[in-house]
Amino acid sequence: MIDKNKCIACGSCVSVCPVNAIEFEADGKPQIIKEKCIKCGSCVAICPTQAITINDDKESKKLT
């Protein structure tokens, strides 16, 4: 999940995703495509504002 209030739309997450599971929406902010996401954590690690969390099926956790 991407916290749109924290996101600065830098595009780092989009460029680092190995499966192209993040795309920009019409509002200019990125959105994770859940069906494509492999939960590798690359986007979490590169996000300069810590706006991304990986949602597990049972819980939400931040990867650092």
PDB file of N, CA and C in Angstrom:
ATOM      1  N   MET A   1       0.834  -1.176   0.000  1.00  0.00           N
ATOM      2  CA  MET A   1       0.000   0.000   0.000  1.00  0.00           C
ATOM      3  C   MET A   1       0.886   1.248   0.000  1.00  0.00           C
ATOM      4  N   ILE A   2       0.464   2.247  -0.724  1.00  0.00           N
ATOM      5  CA  ILE A   2       1.204   3.501  -0.791  1.00  0.00           C
ATOM      6  C   ILE A   2       0.388   4.589  -0.092  1.00  0.00           C
ATOM      7  N   ASP A   3       0.998   5.228   0.890  1.00  0.00           N
ATOM      8  CA  ASP A   3       0.361   6.340   1.589  1.00  0.00           C
ATOM      9  C   ASP A   3       0.520   7.576   0.704  1.00  0.00           C
ATOM     10  N   LYS A   4      -0.560   7.971   0.076  1.00  0.00           N
ATOM     11  CA  LYS A   4      -0.503   9.087  -0.878  1.00  0.00           C
ATOM     12  C   LYS A   4      -0.200  10.422  -0.214  1.00  0.00           C
ATOM     13  N   ASN A   5      -0.393  10.511   1.094  1.00  0.00           N
ATOM     14  CA  ASN A   5      -0.044  11.739   1.803  1.00  0.00           C
ATOM     15  C   ASN A   5       1.465  11.865   1.999  1.00  0.00           C
ATOM     16  N   LYS A   6       2.150  10.740   2.104  1.00  0.00           N
ATOM     17  CA  LYS A   6       3.603  10.745   2.258  1.00  0.00           C
ATOM     18  C   LYS A   6       4.332  10.706   0.916  1.00  0.00           C
ATOM     19  N   CYS A   7       3.706  10.127  -0.087  1.00  0.00           N
ATOM     20  CA  CYS A   7       4.333   9.943  -1.401  1.00  0.00           C
ATOM     21  C   CYS A   7       4.618  11.282  -2.081  1.00  0.00           C
ATOM     22  N   ILE A   8       5.829  11.415  -2.612  1.00  0.00           N
ATOM     23  CA  ILE A   8       6.205  12.628  -3.340  1.00  0.00           C
ATOM     24  C   ILE A   8       6.276  12.374  -4.844  1.00  0.00           C
ATOM     25  N   ALA A   9       5.808  11.215  -5.282  1.00  0.00           N
ATOM     26  CA  ALA A   9       5.735  10.836  -6.700  1.00  0.00           C
ATOM     27  C   ALA A   9       7.082  10.939  -7.405  1.00  0.00           C
ATOM     28  N   CYS A  10       8.132  10.504  -6.712  1.00  0.00           N
ATOM     29  CA  CYS A  10       9.475  10.571  -7.303  1.00  0.00           C
ATOM     30  C   CYS A  10       9.700   9.497  -8.355  1.00  0.00           C
ATOM     31  N   GLY A  11       8.928   8.409  -8.300  1.00  0.00           N
ATOM     32  CA  GLY A  11       9.043   7.347  -9.295  1.00  0.00           C
ATOM     33  C   GLY A  11      10.093   6.292  -8.991  1.00  0.00           C
ATOM     34  N   SER A  12      10.765   6.415  -7.874  1.00  0.00           N
ATOM     35  CA  SER A  12      11.793   5.427  -7.515  1.00  0.00           C
ATOM     36  C   SER A  12      11.213   4.024  -7.418  1.00  0.00           C
ATOM     37  N   CYS A  13      10.051   3.908  -6.821  1.00  0.00           N
ATOM     38  CA  CYS A  13       9.429   2.592  -6.651  1.00  0.00           C
ATOM     39  C   CYS A  13       9.069   1.972  -7.997  1.00  0.00           C
ATOM     40  N   VAL A  14       8.596   2.801  -8.905  1.00  0.00           N
ATOM     41  CA  VAL A  14       8.231   2.316 -10.236  1.00  0.00           C
ATOM     42  C   VAL A  14       9.459   1.773 -10.958  1.00  0.00           C
ATOM     43  N   SER A  15      10.566   2.486 -10.863  1.00  0.00           N
ATOM     44  CA  SER A  15      11.767   2.085 -11.588  1.00  0.00           C
ATOM     45  C   SER A  15      12.452   0.859 -11.007  1.00  0.00           C
ATOM     46  N   VAL A  16      12.246   0.584  -9.715  1.00  0.00           N
ATOM     47  CA  VAL A  16      12.942  -0.529  -9.070  1.00  0.00           C
ATOM     48  C   VAL A  16      12.124  -1.830  -9.048  1.00  0.00           C
ATOM     49  N   CYS A  17      10.863  -1.775  -9.302  1.00  0.00           N
ATOM     50  CA  CYS A  17      10.012  -2.964  -9.229  1.00  0.00           C
ATOM     51  C   CYS A  17      10.392  -3.978 -10.310  1.00  0.00           C
ATOM     52  N   PRO A  18      10.788  -5.191  -9.902  1.00  0.00           N
ATOM     53  CA  PRO A  18      11.242  -6.181 -10.886  1.00  0.00           C
ATOM     54  C   PRO A  18      10.132  -6.798 -11.729  1.00  0.00           C
ATOM     55  N   VAL A  19       8.877  -6.625 -11.312  1.00  0.00           N
ATOM     56  CA  VAL A  19       7.765  -7.232 -12.052  1.00  0.00           C
ATOM     57  C   VAL A  19       6.778  -6.192 -12.589  1.00  0.00           C
ATOM     58  N   ASN A  20       7.177  -4.944 -12.595  1.00  0.00           N
ATOM     59  CA  ASN A  20       6.338  -3.842 -13.097  1.00  0.00           C
ATOM     60  C   ASN A  20       4.954  -3.820 -12.445  1.00  0.00           C
ATOM     61  N   ALA A  21       4.941  -3.978 -11.113  1.00  0.00           N
ATOM     62  CA  ALA A  21       3.685  -4.008 -10.377  1.00  0.00           C
ATOM     63  C   ALA A  21       3.272  -2.640  -9.844  1.00  0.00           C
ATOM     64  N   ILE A  22       4.007  -1.594 -10.218  1.00  0.00           N
ATOM     65  CA  ILE A  22       3.662  -0.248  -9.768  1.00  0.00           C
ATOM     66  C   ILE A  22       3.535   0.652 -10.993  1.00  0.00           C
ATOM     67  N   GLU A  23       2.414   1.321 -11.068  1.00  0.00           N
ATOM     68  CA  GLU A  23       2.143   2.221 -12.195  1.00  0.00           C
ATOM     69  C   GLU A  23       1.646   3.558 -11.668  1.00  0.00           C
ATOM     70  N   PHE A  24       1.858   4.594 -12.446  1.00  0.00           N
ATOM     71  CA  PHE A  24       1.337   5.908 -12.077  1.00  0.00           C
ATOM     72  C   PHE A  24      -0.137   5.995 -12.414  1.00  0.00           C
ATOM     73  N   GLU A  25      -0.908   6.576 -11.515  1.00  0.00           N
ATOM     74  CA  GLU A  25      -2.327   6.808 -11.735  1.00  0.00           C
ATOM     75  C   GLU A  25      -2.535   8.185 -12.342  1.00  0.00           C
ATOM     76  N   ALA A  26      -3.770   8.514 -12.637  1.00  0.00           N
ATOM     77  CA  ALA A  26      -4.108   9.806 -13.234  1.00  0.00           C
ATOM     78  C   ALA A  26      -3.734  10.974 -12.333  1.00  0.00           C
ATOM     79  N   ASP A  27      -3.724  10.753 -11.012  1.00  0.00           N
ATOM     80  CA  ASP A  27      -3.377  11.823 -10.080  1.00  0.00           C
ATOM     81  C   ASP A  27      -1.869  12.037  -9.977  1.00  0.00           C
ATOM     82  N   GLY A  28      -1.091  11.253 -10.730  1.00  0.00           N
ATOM     83  CA  GLY A  28       0.359  11.413 -10.731  1.00  0.00           C
ATOM     84  C   GLY A  28       1.079  10.618  -9.660  1.00  0.00           C
ATOM     85  N   LYS A  29       0.345   9.919  -8.834  1.00  0.00           N
ATOM     86  CA  LYS A  29       0.927   9.112  -7.765  1.00  0.00           C
ATOM     87  C   LYS A  29       0.958   7.636  -8.188  1.00  0.00           C
ATOM     88  N   PRO A  30       1.931   6.891  -7.692  1.00  0.00           N
ATOM     89  CA  PRO A  30       2.004   5.480  -8.050  1.00  0.00           C
ATOM     90  C   PRO A  30       0.976   4.636  -7.312  1.00  0.00           C
ATOM     91  N   GLN A  31       0.626   3.526  -7.933  1.00  0.00           N
ATOM     92  CA  GLN A  31      -0.322   2.575  -7.350  1.00  0.00           C
ATOM     93  C   GLN A  31       0.239   1.179  -7.540  1.00  0.00           C
ATOM     94  N   ILE A  32       0.191   0.359  -6.498  1.00  0.00           N
ATOM     95  CA  ILE A  32       0.659  -1.024  -6.584  1.00  0.00           C
ATOM     96  C   ILE A  32      -0.460  -1.897  -7.140  1.00  0.00           C
ATOM     97  N   ILE A  33      -0.123  -2.700  -8.147  1.00  0.00           N
ATOM     98  CA  ILE A  33      -1.068  -3.649  -8.721  1.00  0.00           C
ATOM     99  C   ILE A  33      -0.903  -4.955  -7.935  1.00  0.00           C
ATOM    100  N   LYS A  34      -1.826  -5.223  -7.036  1.00  0.00           N
ATOM    101  CA  LYS A  34      -1.714  -6.333  -6.093  1.00  0.00           C
ATOM    102  C   LYS A  34      -1.521  -7.682  -6.778  1.00  0.00           C
ATOM    103  N   GLU A  35      -2.170  -7.877  -7.905  1.00  0.00           N
ATOM    104  CA  GLU A  35      -2.085  -9.160  -8.592  1.00  0.00           C
ATOM    105  C   GLU A  35      -0.691  -9.437  -9.158  1.00  0.00           C
ATOM    106  N   LYS A  36       0.077  -8.396  -9.399  1.00  0.00           N
ATOM    107  CA  LYS A  36       1.424  -8.547  -9.954  1.00  0.00           C
ATOM    108  C   LYS A  36       2.512  -8.533  -8.888  1.00  0.00           C
ATOM    109  N   CYS A  37       2.235  -7.917  -7.747  1.00  0.00           N
ATOM    110  CA  CYS A  37       3.240  -7.717  -6.695  1.00  0.00           C
ATOM    111  C   CYS A  37       3.710  -9.048  -6.104  1.00  0.00           C
ATOM    112  N   ILE A  38       5.043  -9.222  -6.026  1.00  0.00           N
ATOM    113  CA  ILE A  38       5.619 -10.433  -5.442  1.00  0.00           C
ATOM    114  C   ILE A  38       6.132 -10.172  -4.017  1.00  0.00           C
ATOM    115  N   LYS A  39       5.865  -8.991  -3.493  1.00  0.00           N
ATOM    116  CA  LYS A  39       6.225  -8.612  -2.123  1.00  0.00           C
ATOM    117  C   LYS A  39       7.714  -8.763  -1.840  1.00  0.00           C
ATOM    118  N   CYS A  40       8.531  -8.337  -2.785  1.00  0.00           N
ATOM    119  CA  CYS A  40       9.981  -8.455  -2.621  1.00  0.00           C
ATOM    120  C   CYS A  40      10.562  -7.376  -1.716  1.00  0.00           C
ATOM    121  N   GLY A  41       9.856  -6.246  -1.584  1.00  0.00           N
ATOM    122  CA  GLY A  41      10.305  -5.181  -0.702  1.00  0.00           C
ATOM    123  C   GLY A  41      11.222  -4.157  -1.337  1.00  0.00           C
ATOM    124  N   SER A  42      11.510  -4.294  -2.620  1.00  0.00           N
ATOM    125  CA  SER A  42      12.396  -3.330  -3.292  1.00  0.00           C
ATOM    126  C   SER A  42      11.839  -1.914  -3.227  1.00  0.00           C
ATOM    127  N   CYS A  43      10.556  -1.780  -3.416  1.00  0.00           N
ATOM    128  CA  CYS A  43       9.927  -0.457  -3.401  1.00  0.00           C
ATOM    129  C   CYS A  43       9.987   0.155  -2.003  1.00  0.00           C
ATOM    130  N   VAL A  44       9.783  -0.677  -0.991  1.00  0.00           N
ATOM    131  CA  VAL A  44       9.836  -0.204   0.396  1.00  0.00           C
ATOM    132  C   VAL A  44      11.230   0.318   0.718  1.00  0.00           C
ATOM    133  N   ALA A  45      12.233  -0.441   0.289  1.00  0.00           N
ATOM    134  CA  ALA A  45      13.619  -0.084   0.593  1.00  0.00           C
ATOM    135  C   ALA A  45      14.057   1.207  -0.076  1.00  0.00           C
ATOM    136  N   ILE A  46      13.556   1.488  -1.266  1.00  0.00           N
ATOM    137  CA  ILE A  46      14.018   2.664  -2.012  1.00  0.00           C
ATOM    138  C   ILE A  46      13.193   3.923  -1.741  1.00  0.00           C
ATOM    139  N   CYS A  47      12.022   3.787  -1.161  1.00  0.00           N
ATOM    140  CA  CYS A  47      11.139   4.942  -0.957  1.00  0.00           C
ATOM    141  C   CYS A  47      11.760   5.940   0.022  1.00  0.00           C
ATOM    142  N   PRO A  48      12.019   7.180  -0.422  1.00  0.00           N
ATOM    143  CA  PRO A  48      12.667   8.168   0.439  1.00  0.00           C
ATOM    144  C   PRO A  48      11.775   8.711   1.559  1.00  0.00           C
ATOM    145  N   THR A  49      10.477   8.519   1.437  1.00  0.00           N
ATOM    146  CA  THR A  49       9.558   9.046   2.453  1.00  0.00           C
ATOM    147  C   THR A  49       8.875   7.953   3.271  1.00  0.00           C
ATOM    148  N   GLN A  50       9.280   6.717   3.071  1.00  0.00           N
ATOM    149  CA  GLN A  50       8.687   5.572   3.776  1.00  0.00           C
ATOM    150  C   GLN A  50       7.169   5.535   3.613  1.00  0.00           C
ATOM    151  N   ALA A  51       6.725   5.773   2.388  1.00  0.00           N
ATOM    152  CA  ALA A  51       5.294   5.813   2.101  1.00  0.00           C
ATOM    153  C   ALA A  51       4.712   4.458   1.734  1.00  0.00           C
ATOM    154  N   ILE A  52       5.553   3.443   1.591  1.00  0.00           N
ATOM    155  CA  ILE A  52       5.080   2.146   1.108  1.00  0.00           C
ATOM    156  C   ILE A  52       5.151   1.093   2.205  1.00  0.00           C
ATOM    157  N   THR A  53       4.072   0.345   2.334  1.00  0.00           N
ATOM    158  CA  THR A  53       4.038  -0.811   3.227  1.00  0.00           C
ATOM    159  C   THR A  53       3.651  -2.030   2.398  1.00  0.00           C
ATOM    160  N   ILE A  54       4.168  -3.172   2.806  1.00  0.00           N
ATOM    161  CA  ILE A  54       3.815  -4.430   2.164  1.00  0.00           C
ATOM    162  C   ILE A  54       2.693  -5.038   2.984  1.00  0.00           C
ATOM    163  N   ASN A  55       1.576  -5.317   2.346  1.00  0.00           N
ATOM    164  CA  ASN A  55       0.444  -5.920   3.034  1.00  0.00           C
ATOM    165  C   ASN A  55       0.521  -7.428   2.903  1.00  0.00           C
ATOM    166  N   ASP A  56       0.694  -8.073   4.035  1.00  0.00           N
ATOM    167  CA  ASP A  56       0.651  -9.526   4.082  1.00  0.00           C
ATOM    168  C   ASP A  56      -0.832  -9.903   4.108  1.00  0.00           C
ATOM    169  N   ASP A  57      -1.136 -11.140   3.840  1.00  0.00           N
ATOM    170  CA  ASP A  57      -2.536 -11.559   3.850  1.00  0.00           C
ATOM    171  C   ASP A  57      -3.175 -11.371   5.225  1.00  0.00           C
ATOM    172  N   LYS A  58      -2.394 -11.510   6.280  1.00  0.00           N
ATOM    173  CA  LYS A  58      -2.949 -11.427   7.627  1.00  0.00           C
ATOM    174  C   LYS A  58      -2.605 -10.154   8.362  1.00  0.00           C
ATOM    175  N   GLU A  59      -1.537  -9.476   7.925  1.00  0.00           N
ATOM    176  CA  GLU A  59      -1.129  -8.273   8.651  1.00  0.00           C
ATOM    177  C   GLU A  59      -0.386  -7.323   7.714  1.00  0.00           C
ATOM    178  N   SER A  60      -0.298  -6.085   8.121  1.00  0.00           N
ATOM    179  CA  SER A  60       0.449  -5.087   7.367  1.00  0.00           C
ATOM    180  C   SER A  60       1.752  -4.821   8.116  1.00  0.00           C
ATOM    181  N   LYS A  61       2.867  -4.835   7.377  1.00  0.00           N
ATOM    182  CA  LYS A  61       4.143  -4.612   8.033  1.00  0.00           C
ATOM    183  C   LYS A  61       5.035  -3.762   7.148  1.00  0.00           C
ATOM    184  N   LYS A  62       5.904  -3.007   7.782  1.00  0.00           N
ATOM    185  CA  LYS A  62       6.894  -2.217   7.051  1.00  0.00           C
ATOM    186  C   LYS A  62       8.155  -3.024   6.946  1.00  0.00           C
ATOM    187  N   LEU A  63       8.754  -3.038   5.782  1.00  0.00           N
ATOM    188  CA  LEU A  63      10.030  -3.694   5.597  1.00  0.00           C
ATOM    189  C   LEU A  63      11.110  -2.623   5.626  1.00  0.00           C
ATOM    190  N   THR A  64      12.174  -2.886   6.313  1.00  0.00           N
ATOM    191  CA  THR A  64      13.274  -1.918   6.353  1.00  0.00           C
ATOM    192  C   THR A  64      14.582  -2.625   6.123  1.00  0.00           C
TER     193      THR A  64
END
